[in-house]
PDB file of N, CA and C in Angstrom:
ATOM      1  N   MET A   1      25.579  59.047 -13.150  1.00  0.00           N
ATOM      2  CA  MET A   1      24.277  59.422 -13.676  1.00  0.00           C
ATOM      3  C   MET A   1      23.648  60.331 -12.638  1.00  0.00           C
ATOM      4  N   GLN A   2      23.057  61.424 -13.206  1.00  0.00           N
ATOM      5  CA  GLN A   2      22.381  62.354 -12.310  1.00  0.00           C
ATOM      6  C   GLN A   2      20.910  62.237 -12.502  1.00  0.00           C
ATOM      7  N   ILE A   3      20.126  62.171 -11.430  1.00  0.00           N
ATOM      8  CA  ILE A   3      18.666  62.049 -11.506  1.00  0.00           C
ATOM      9  C   ILE A   3      18.131  63.353 -10.857  1.00  0.00           C
ATOM     10  N   THR A   4      17.253  64.043 -11.594  1.00  0.00           N
ATOM     11  CA  THR A   4      16.620  65.245 -11.058  1.00  0.00           C
ATOM     12  C   THR A   4      15.098  64.980 -11.040  1.00  0.00           C
ATOM     13  N   GLU A   5      14.456  65.881 -10.283  1.00  0.00           N
ATOM     14  CA  GLU A   5      12.983  65.782 -10.151  1.00  0.00           C
ATOM     15  C   GLU A   5      12.339  67.056 -10.685  1.00  0.00           C
ATOM     16  N   GLU A   6      11.280  66.896 -11.415  1.00  0.00           N
ATOM     17  CA  GLU A   6      10.454  68.027 -11.859  1.00  0.00           C
ATOM     18  C   GLU A   6       9.090  67.797 -11.264  1.00  0.00           C
ATOM     19  N   ASN A   7       8.646  68.711 -10.453  1.00  0.00           N
ATOM     20  CA  ASN A   7       7.366  68.564  -9.770  1.00  0.00           C
ATOM     21  C   ASN A   7       6.382  69.637 -10.158  1.00  0.00           C
ATOM     22  N   LEU A   8       5.148  69.235 -10.443  1.00  0.00           N
ATOM     23  CA  LEU A   8       4.045  70.163 -10.674  1.00  0.00           C
ATOM     24  C   LEU A   8       2.990  69.814  -9.630  1.00  0.00           C
ATOM     25  N   SER A   9       1.946  70.600  -9.606  1.00  0.00           N
ATOM     26  CA  SER A   9       0.909  70.331  -8.583  1.00  0.00           C
ATOM     27  C   SER A   9       0.207  69.050  -8.842  1.00  0.00           C
ATOM     28  N   SER A  10       0.088  68.571 -10.085  1.00  0.00           N
ATOM     29  CA  SER A  10      -0.611  67.317 -10.425  1.00  0.00           C
ATOM     30  C   SER A  10       0.310  66.186 -10.693  1.00  0.00           C
ATOM     31  N   GLY A  11       1.575  66.334 -10.636  1.00  0.00           N
ATOM     32  CA  GLY A  11       2.514  65.247 -10.847  1.00  0.00           C
ATOM     33  C   GLY A  11       3.905  65.747 -11.173  1.00  0.00           C
ATOM     34  N   GLY A  12       4.634  64.971 -11.961  1.00  0.00           N
ATOM     35  CA  GLY A  12       5.950  65.357 -12.350  1.00  0.00           C
ATOM     36  C   GLY A  12       6.697  64.212 -12.997  1.00  0.00           C
ATOM     37  N   ARG A  13       8.028  64.297 -12.948  1.00  0.00           N
ATOM     38  CA  ARG A  13       8.850  63.251 -13.528  1.00  0.00           C
ATOM     39  C   ARG A  13      10.212  63.256 -12.852  1.00  0.00           C
ATOM     40  N   TYR A  14      10.804  62.083 -12.908  1.00  0.00           N
ATOM     41  CA  TYR A  14      12.193  61.912 -12.503  1.00  0.00           C
ATOM     42  C   TYR A  14      13.000  61.784 -13.785  1.00  0.00           C
ATOM     43  N   VAL A  15      14.071  62.492 -13.896  1.00  0.00           N
ATOM     44  CA  VAL A  15      14.812  62.586 -15.148  1.00  0.00           C
ATOM     45  C   VAL A  15      16.274  62.170 -14.939  1.00  0.00           C
ATOM     46  N   ALA A  16      16.736  61.205 -15.732  1.00  0.00           N
ATOM     47  CA  ALA A  16      18.143  60.783 -15.642  1.00  0.00           C
ATOM     48  C   ALA A  16      18.826  61.214 -16.904  1.00  0.00           C
ATOM     49  N   ASN A  17      19.985  61.810 -16.692  1.00  0.00           N
ATOM     50  CA  ASN A  17      20.880  62.241 -17.835  1.00  0.00           C
ATOM     51  C   ASN A  17      22.133  61.481 -17.814  1.00  0.00           C
ATOM     52  N   LEU A  18      22.428  60.857 -18.954  1.00  0.00           N
ATOM     53  CA  LEU A  18      23.642  60.029 -19.063  1.00  0.00           C
ATOM     54  C   LEU A  18      24.125  60.018 -20.513  1.00  0.00           C
ATOM     55  N   ASP A  19      25.373  60.273 -20.731  1.00  0.00           N
ATOM     56  CA  ASP A  19      25.976  60.286 -22.134  1.00  0.00           C
ATOM     57  C   ASP A  19      25.188  61.129 -23.061  1.00  0.00           C
ATOM     58  N   GLY A  20      24.711  62.282 -22.604  1.00  0.00           N
ATOM     59  CA  GLY A  20      24.024  63.223 -23.464  1.00  0.00           C
ATOM     60  C   GLY A  20      22.583  62.865 -23.805  1.00  0.00           C
ATOM     61  N   ALA A  21      22.056  61.803 -23.175  1.00  0.00           N
ATOM     62  CA  ALA A  21      20.714  61.388 -23.440  1.00  0.00           C
ATOM     63  C   ALA A  21      19.883  61.501 -22.135  1.00  0.00           C
ATOM     64  N   GLU A  22      18.583  61.597 -22.336  1.00  0.00           N
ATOM     65  CA  GLU A  22      17.644  61.776 -21.221  1.00  0.00           C
ATOM     66  C   GLU A  22      16.660  60.590 -21.158  1.00  0.00           C
ATOM     67  N   ALA A  23      16.434  60.062 -19.965  1.00  0.00           N
ATOM     68  CA  ALA A  23      15.421  59.064 -19.706  1.00  0.00           C
ATOM     69  C   ALA A  23      14.465  59.628 -18.668  1.00  0.00           C
ATOM     70  N   GLU A  24      13.243  59.171 -18.617  1.00  0.00           N
ATOM     71  CA  GLU A  24      12.289  59.729 -17.671  1.00  0.00           C
ATOM     72  C   GLU A  24      11.365  58.684 -17.078  1.00  0.00           C
ATOM     73  N   MET A  25      10.869  58.979 -15.886  1.00  0.00           N
ATOM     74  CA  MET A  25       9.800  58.206 -15.250  1.00  0.00           C
ATOM     75  C   MET A  25       8.788  59.251 -14.792  1.00  0.00           C
ATOM     76  N   THR A  26       7.540  59.142 -15.326  1.00  0.00           N
ATOM     77  CA  THR A  26       6.545  60.139 -15.048  1.00  0.00           C
ATOM     78  C   THR A  26       5.562  59.622 -14.008  1.00  0.00           C
ATOM     79  N   PHE A  27       4.967  60.589 -13.274  1.00  0.00           N
ATOM     80  CA  PHE A  27       4.028  60.175 -12.230  1.00  0.00           C
ATOM     81  C   PHE A  27       2.951  61.272 -12.092  1.00  0.00           C
ATOM     82  N   SER A  28       1.812  60.890 -11.623  1.00  0.00           N
ATOM     83  CA  SER A  28       0.744  61.836 -11.270  1.00  0.00           C
ATOM     84  C   SER A  28       0.523  61.705  -9.806  1.00  0.00           C
ATOM     85  N   ARG A  29       0.107  62.775  -9.199  1.00  0.00           N
ATOM     86  CA  ARG A  29      -0.179  62.776  -7.749  1.00  0.00           C
ATOM     87  C   ARG A  29      -1.654  62.614  -7.510  1.00  0.00           C
ATOM     88  N   ALA A  30      -2.025  61.483  -6.940  1.00  0.00           N
ATOM     89  CA  ALA A  30      -3.429  61.195  -6.584  1.00  0.00           C
ATOM     90  C   ALA A  30      -3.851  61.913  -5.303  1.00  0.00           C
ATOM     91  N   SER A  31      -2.901  62.083  -4.449  1.00  0.00           N
ATOM     92  CA  SER A  31      -3.157  62.748  -3.132  1.00  0.00           C
ATOM     93  C   SER A  31      -1.785  63.123  -2.505  1.00  0.00           C
ATOM     94  N   PRO A  32      -1.723  63.860  -1.440  1.00  0.00           N
ATOM     95  CA  PRO A  32      -0.434  64.152  -0.880  1.00  0.00           C
ATOM     96  C   PRO A  32       0.282  62.851  -0.437  1.00  0.00           C
ATOM     97  N   GLN A  33      -0.428  61.792  -0.184  1.00  0.00           N
ATOM     98  CA  GLN A  33       0.222  60.546   0.266  1.00  0.00           C
ATOM     99  C   GLN A  33       0.279  59.455  -0.846  1.00  0.00           C
ATOM    100  N   LEU A  34      -0.017  59.800  -2.060  1.00  0.00           N
ATOM    101  CA  LEU A  34      -0.087  58.767  -3.087  1.00  0.00           C
ATOM    102  C   LEU A  34       0.287  59.272  -4.484  1.00  0.00           C
ATOM    103  N   ILE A  35       1.277  58.611  -5.156  1.00  0.00           N
ATOM    104  CA  ILE A  35       1.589  58.958  -6.548  1.00  0.00           C
ATOM    105  C   ILE A  35       1.319  57.687  -7.377  1.00  0.00           C
ATOM    106  N   ILE A  36       1.070  57.931  -8.636  1.00  0.00           N
ATOM    107  CA  ILE A  36       0.867  56.929  -9.598  1.00  0.00           C
ATOM    108  C   ILE A  36       2.038  57.002 -10.667  1.00  0.00           C
ATOM    109  N   ILE A  37       2.834  56.001 -10.698  1.00  0.00           N
ATOM    110  CA  ILE A  37       3.889  55.998 -11.755  1.00  0.00           C
ATOM    111  C   ILE A  37       3.271  55.417 -13.019  1.00  0.00           C
ATOM    112  N   ASP A  38       3.250  56.177 -14.126  1.00  0.00           N
ATOM    113  CA  ASP A  38       2.518  55.750 -15.280  1.00  0.00           C
ATOM    114  C   ASP A  38       3.360  55.545 -16.508  1.00  0.00           C
ATOM    115  N   HIS A  39       4.637  55.880 -16.482  1.00  0.00           N
ATOM    116  CA  HIS A  39       5.457  55.755 -17.709  1.00  0.00           C
ATOM    117  C   HIS A  39       6.926  55.750 -17.360  1.00  0.00           C
ATOM    118  N   THR A  40       7.649  54.926 -18.057  1.00  0.00           N
ATOM    119  CA  THR A  40       9.147  55.005 -18.005  1.00  0.00           C
ATOM    120  C   THR A  40       9.633  55.019 -19.460  1.00  0.00           C
ATOM    121  N   GLY A  41      10.416  55.981 -19.774  1.00  0.00           N
ATOM    122  CA  GLY A  41      10.930  56.090 -21.116  1.00  0.00           C
ATOM    123  C   GLY A  41      12.453  56.171 -21.112  1.00  0.00           C
ATOM    124  N   VAL A  42      13.079  55.173 -21.746  1.00  0.00           N
ATOM    125  CA  VAL A  42      14.523  55.134 -21.805  1.00  0.00           C
ATOM    126  C   VAL A  42      14.917  55.023 -23.293  1.00  0.00           C
ATOM    127  N   PRO A  43      15.689  55.994 -23.799  1.00  0.00           N
ATOM    128  CA  PRO A  43      16.034  55.897 -25.256  1.00  0.00           C
ATOM    129  C   PRO A  43      16.963  54.693 -25.491  1.00  0.00           C
ATOM    130  N   ASP A  44      16.920  54.230 -26.762  1.00  0.00           N
ATOM    131  CA  ASP A  44      17.732  53.072 -27.142  1.00  0.00           C
ATOM    132  C   ASP A  44      19.200  53.198 -26.759  1.00  0.00           C
ATOM    133  N   SER A  45      19.751  54.443 -26.854  1.00  0.00           N
ATOM    134  CA  SER A  45      21.146  54.605 -26.556  1.00  0.00           C
ATOM    135  C   SER A  45      21.493  54.362 -25.056  1.00  0.00           C
ATOM    136  N   LEU A  46      20.516  54.319 -24.216  1.00  0.00           N
ATOM    137  CA  LEU A  46      20.730  54.088 -22.744  1.00  0.00           C
ATOM    138  C   LEU A  46      20.262  52.701 -22.283  1.00  0.00           C
ATOM    139  N   ARG A  47      19.681  51.946 -23.159  1.00  0.00           N
ATOM    140  CA  ARG A  47      19.162  50.636 -22.777  1.00  0.00           C
ATOM    141  C   ARG A  47      20.322  49.731 -22.341  1.00  0.00           C
ATOM    142  N   GLY A  48      20.095  48.931 -21.302  1.00  0.00           N
ATOM    143  CA  GLY A  48      21.106  47.996 -20.822  1.00  0.00           C
ATOM    144  C   GLY A  48      22.117  48.604 -19.874  1.00  0.00           C
ATOM    145  N   LYS A  49      21.915  49.879 -19.507  1.00  0.00           N
ATOM    146  CA  LYS A  49      22.852  50.554 -18.649  1.00  0.00           C
ATOM    147  C   LYS A  49      22.313  50.771 -17.211  1.00  0.00           C
ATOM    148  N   GLY A  50      21.155  50.196 -16.945  1.00  0.00           N
ATOM    149  CA  GLY A  50      20.622  50.306 -15.606  1.00  0.00           C
ATOM    150  C   GLY A  50      19.861  51.584 -15.262  1.00  0.00           C
ATOM    151  N   VAL A  51      19.599  52.361 -16.314  1.00  0.00           N
ATOM    152  CA  VAL A  51      18.988  53.697 -16.139  1.00  0.00           C
ATOM    153  C   VAL A  51      17.551  53.516 -15.602  1.00  0.00           C
ATOM    154  N   GLY A  52      16.787  52.645 -16.189  1.00  0.00           N
ATOM    155  CA  GLY A  52      15.422  52.415 -15.785  1.00  0.00           C
ATOM    156  C   GLY A  52      15.366  51.957 -14.301  1.00  0.00           C
ATOM    157  N   GLN A  53      16.250  51.018 -13.937  1.00  0.00           N
ATOM    158  CA  GLN A  53      16.297  50.602 -12.553  1.00  0.00           C
ATOM    159  C   GLN A  53      16.715  51.759 -11.611  1.00  0.00           C
ATOM    160  N   ALA A  54      17.579  52.569 -12.040  1.00  0.00           N
ATOM    161  CA  ALA A  54      18.024  53.696 -11.176  1.00  0.00           C
ATOM    162  C   ALA A  54      16.836  54.690 -11.019  1.00  0.00           C
ATOM    163  N   LEU A  55      16.058  54.902 -12.055  1.00  0.00           N
ATOM    164  CA  LEU A  55      14.895  55.740 -11.890  1.00  0.00           C
ATOM    165  C   LEU A  55      13.886  55.137 -10.952  1.00  0.00           C
ATOM    166  N   ALA A  56      13.665  53.843 -11.073  1.00  0.00           N
ATOM    167  CA  ALA A  56      12.742  53.136 -10.159  1.00  0.00           C
ATOM    168  C   ALA A  56      13.182  53.205  -8.745  1.00  0.00           C
ATOM    169  N   LEU A  57      14.423  53.004  -8.455  1.00  0.00           N
ATOM    170  CA  LEU A  57      14.980  53.088  -7.097  1.00  0.00           C
ATOM    171  C   LEU A  57      14.854  54.515  -6.590  1.00  0.00           C
ATOM    172  N   HIS A  58      15.145  55.476  -7.434  1.00  0.00           N
ATOM    173  CA  HIS A  58      15.008  56.899  -7.022  1.00  0.00           C
ATOM    174  C   HIS A  58      13.593  57.175  -6.582  1.00  0.00           C
ATOM    175  N   ALA A  59      12.584  56.655  -7.390  1.00  0.00           N
ATOM    176  CA  ALA A  59      11.159  56.854  -6.996  1.00  0.00           C
ATOM    177  C   ALA A  59      10.837  56.249  -5.681  1.00  0.00           C
ATOM    178  N   VAL A  60      11.353  55.043  -5.384  1.00  0.00           N
ATOM    179  CA  VAL A  60      11.097  54.393  -4.119  1.00  0.00           C
ATOM    180  C   VAL A  60      11.716  55.209  -2.984  1.00  0.00           C
ATOM    181  N   GLN A  61      12.954  55.629  -3.174  1.00  0.00           N
ATOM    182  CA  GLN A  61      13.610  56.400  -2.119  1.00  0.00           C
ATOM    183  C   GLN A  61      12.919  57.680  -1.862  1.00  0.00           C
ATOM    184  N   ALA A  62      12.447  58.383  -2.910  1.00  0.00           N
ATOM    185  CA  ALA A  62      11.646  59.642  -2.775  1.00  0.00           C
ATOM    186  C   ALA A  62      10.349  59.350  -1.981  1.00  0.00           C
ATOM    187  N   ALA A  63       9.665  58.268  -2.263  1.00  0.00           N
ATOM    188  CA  ALA A  63       8.470  57.916  -1.527  1.00  0.00           C
ATOM    189  C   ALA A  63       8.758  57.686  -0.055  1.00  0.00           C
ATOM    190  N   ARG A  64       9.864  56.977   0.209  1.00  0.00           N
ATOM    191  CA  ARG A  64      10.199  56.769   1.625  1.00  0.00           C
ATOM    192  C   ARG A  64      10.504  58.070   2.338  1.00  0.00           C
ATOM    193  N   ARG A  65      11.258  58.981   1.724  1.00  0.00           N
ATOM    194  CA  ARG A  65      11.545  60.250   2.298  1.00  0.00           C
ATOM    195  C   ARG A  65      10.357  61.107   2.490  1.00  0.00           C
ATOM    196  N   GLY A  66       9.428  61.030   1.473  1.00  0.00           N
ATOM    197  CA  GLY A  66       8.261  61.907   1.503  1.00  0.00           C
ATOM    198  C   GLY A  66       7.087  61.318   2.257  1.00  0.00           C
ATOM    199  N   GLY A  67       7.155  60.040   2.627  1.00  0.00           N
ATOM    200  CA  GLY A  67       6.044  59.399   3.364  1.00  0.00           C
ATOM    201  C   GLY A  67       4.829  59.098   2.513  1.00  0.00           C
ATOM    202  N   TRP A  68       4.975  58.783   1.236  1.00  0.00           N
ATOM    203  CA  TRP A  68       3.883  58.436   0.441  1.00  0.00           C
ATOM    204  C   TRP A  68       4.005  57.053  -0.171  1.00  0.00           C
ATOM    205  N   LYS A  69       2.958  56.615  -0.761  1.00  0.00           N
ATOM    206  CA  LYS A  69       2.846  55.302  -1.472  1.00  0.00           C
ATOM    207  C   LYS A  69       2.889  55.478  -2.946  1.00  0.00           C
ATOM    208  N   ILE A  70       3.166  54.383  -3.680  1.00  0.00           N
ATOM    209  CA  ILE A  70       3.221  54.360  -5.118  1.00  0.00           C
ATOM    210  C   ILE A  70       2.262  53.331  -5.650  1.00  0.00           C
ATOM    211  N   ILE A  71       1.432  53.708  -6.607  1.00  0.00           N
ATOM    212  CA  ILE A  71       0.665  52.774  -7.405  1.00  0.00           C
ATOM    213  C   ILE A  71       1.390  52.587  -8.762  1.00  0.00           C
ATOM    214  N   PRO A  72       1.791  51.386  -9.057  1.00  0.00           N
ATOM    215  CA  PRO A  72       2.629  51.196 -10.264  1.00  0.00           C
ATOM    216  C   PRO A  72       1.730  50.824 -11.479  1.00  0.00           C
ATOM    217  N   LEU A  73       1.333  51.800 -12.282  1.00  0.00           N
ATOM    218  CA  LEU A  73       0.640  51.511 -13.512  1.00  0.00           C
ATOM    219  C   LEU A  73       1.628  51.236 -14.684  1.00  0.00           C
ATOM    220  N   CYS A  74       2.794  51.795 -14.588  1.00  0.00           N
ATOM    221  CA  CYS A  74       3.810  51.554 -15.594  1.00  0.00           C
ATOM    222  C   CYS A  74       4.264  50.091 -15.595  1.00  0.00           C
ATOM    223  N   PRO A  75       4.222  49.374 -16.682  1.00  0.00           N
ATOM    224  CA  PRO A  75       4.631  47.971 -16.690  1.00  0.00           C
ATOM    225  C   PRO A  75       6.062  47.771 -16.264  1.00  0.00           C
ATOM    226  N   PHE A  76       6.971  48.655 -16.627  1.00  0.00           N
ATOM    227  CA  PHE A  76       8.375  48.517 -16.254  1.00  0.00           C
ATOM    228  C   PHE A  76       8.502  48.684 -14.709  1.00  0.00           C
ATOM    229  N   PHE A  77       7.919  49.697 -14.164  1.00  0.00           N
ATOM    230  CA  PHE A  77       8.027  49.860 -12.709  1.00  0.00           C
ATOM    231  C   PHE A  77       7.319  48.724 -11.959  1.00  0.00           C
ATOM    232  N   LYS A  78       6.235  48.297 -12.474  1.00  0.00           N
ATOM    233  CA  LYS A  78       5.520  47.180 -11.824  1.00  0.00           C
ATOM    234  C   LYS A  78       6.426  45.958 -11.811  1.00  0.00           C
ATOM    235  N   ALA A  79       7.103  45.632 -12.914  1.00  0.00           N
ATOM    236  CA  ALA A  79       8.029  44.511 -12.954  1.00  0.00           C
ATOM    237  C   ALA A  79       9.124  44.644 -11.934  1.00  0.00           C
ATOM    238  N   GLN A  80       9.710  45.879 -11.852  1.00  0.00           N
ATOM    239  CA  GLN A  80      10.756  46.097 -10.919  1.00  0.00           C
ATOM    240  C   GLN A  80      10.275  45.911  -9.472  1.00  0.00           C
ATOM    241  N   ALA A  81       9.056  46.374  -9.189  1.00  0.00           N
ATOM    242  CA  ALA A  81       8.537  46.193  -7.827  1.00  0.00           C
ATOM    243  C   ALA A  81       8.365  44.755  -7.479  1.00  0.00           C
ATOM    244  N   GLN A  82       7.982  43.923  -8.466  1.00  0.00           N
ATOM    245  CA  GLN A  82       7.810  42.456  -8.212  1.00  0.00           C
ATOM    246  C   GLN A  82       9.160  41.806  -7.971  1.00  0.00           C
ATOM    247  N   ARG A  83      10.237  42.369  -8.568  1.00  0.00           N
ATOM    248  CA  ARG A  83      11.559  41.789  -8.372  1.00  0.00           C
ATOM    249  C   ARG A  83      12.214  42.275  -7.080  1.00  0.00           C
ATOM    250  N   ASN A  84      11.606  43.289  -6.409  1.00  0.00           N
ATOM    251  CA  ASN A  84      12.196  43.878  -5.211  1.00  0.00           C
ATOM    252  C   ASN A  84      11.190  43.868  -4.124  1.00  0.00           C
ATOM    253  N   PRO A  85      10.967  42.784  -3.460  1.00  0.00           N
ATOM    254  CA  PRO A  85       9.985  42.683  -2.364  1.00  0.00           C
ATOM    255  C   PRO A  85      10.276  43.641  -1.231  1.00  0.00           C
ATOM    256  N   ASP A  86      11.472  44.142  -1.136  1.00  0.00           N
ATOM    257  CA  ASP A  86      11.775  45.109  -0.038  1.00  0.00           C
ATOM    258  C   ASP A  86      11.172  46.482  -0.336  1.00  0.00           C
ATOM    259  N   TRP A  87      10.564  46.682  -1.492  1.00  0.00           N
ATOM    260  CA  TRP A  87       9.859  47.921  -1.802  1.00  0.00           C
ATOM    261  C   TRP A  87       8.395  47.872  -1.358  1.00  0.00           C
ATOM    262  N   ARG A  88       7.938  46.811  -0.799  1.00  0.00           N
ATOM    263  CA  ARG A  88       6.507  46.698  -0.432  1.00  0.00           C
ATOM    264  C   ARG A  88       6.091  47.723   0.563  1.00  0.00           C
ATOM    265  N   ASP A  89       6.989  48.328   1.302  1.00  0.00           N
ATOM    266  CA  ASP A  89       6.636  49.356   2.257  1.00  0.00           C
ATOM    267  C   ASP A  89       6.069  50.592   1.554  1.00  0.00           C
ATOM    268  N   VAL A  90       6.382  50.805   0.285  1.00  0.00           N
ATOM    269  CA  VAL A  90       5.898  51.982  -0.410  1.00  0.00           C
ATOM    270  C   VAL A  90       5.085  51.704  -1.686  1.00  0.00           C
ATOM    271  N   VAL A  91       5.168  50.489  -2.173  1.00  0.00           N
ATOM    272  CA  VAL A  91       4.463  50.124  -3.410  1.00  0.00           C
ATOM    273  C   VAL A  91       3.131  49.462  -3.063  1.00  0.00           C
ATOM    274  N   SER A  92       2.031  50.001  -3.546  1.00  0.00           N
ATOM    275  CA  SER A  92       0.687  49.480  -3.258  1.00  0.00           C
ATOM    276  C   SER A  92       0.346  48.421  -4.268  1.00  0.00           C
TER     277      SER A  92
END
């Protein structure tokens, strides 16, 4: 699975492509040190394949590399963060 990033000045998205389908995790940038993850969309054809988890992990790794924090408004990302206490260094 390949995950790419699309960045705009006000936010962006992480995009996973697998089996000809696309899943996304969108975010808005509250400041240079803070993003808000607000949506995760995984089509039915990719459900159960770990795509959402891969997007969430990618977001955490990007935050660690970039030195910013994440506010999880997206219910899926919020649930993943609760299951992964080792993400507390970047999840507010």
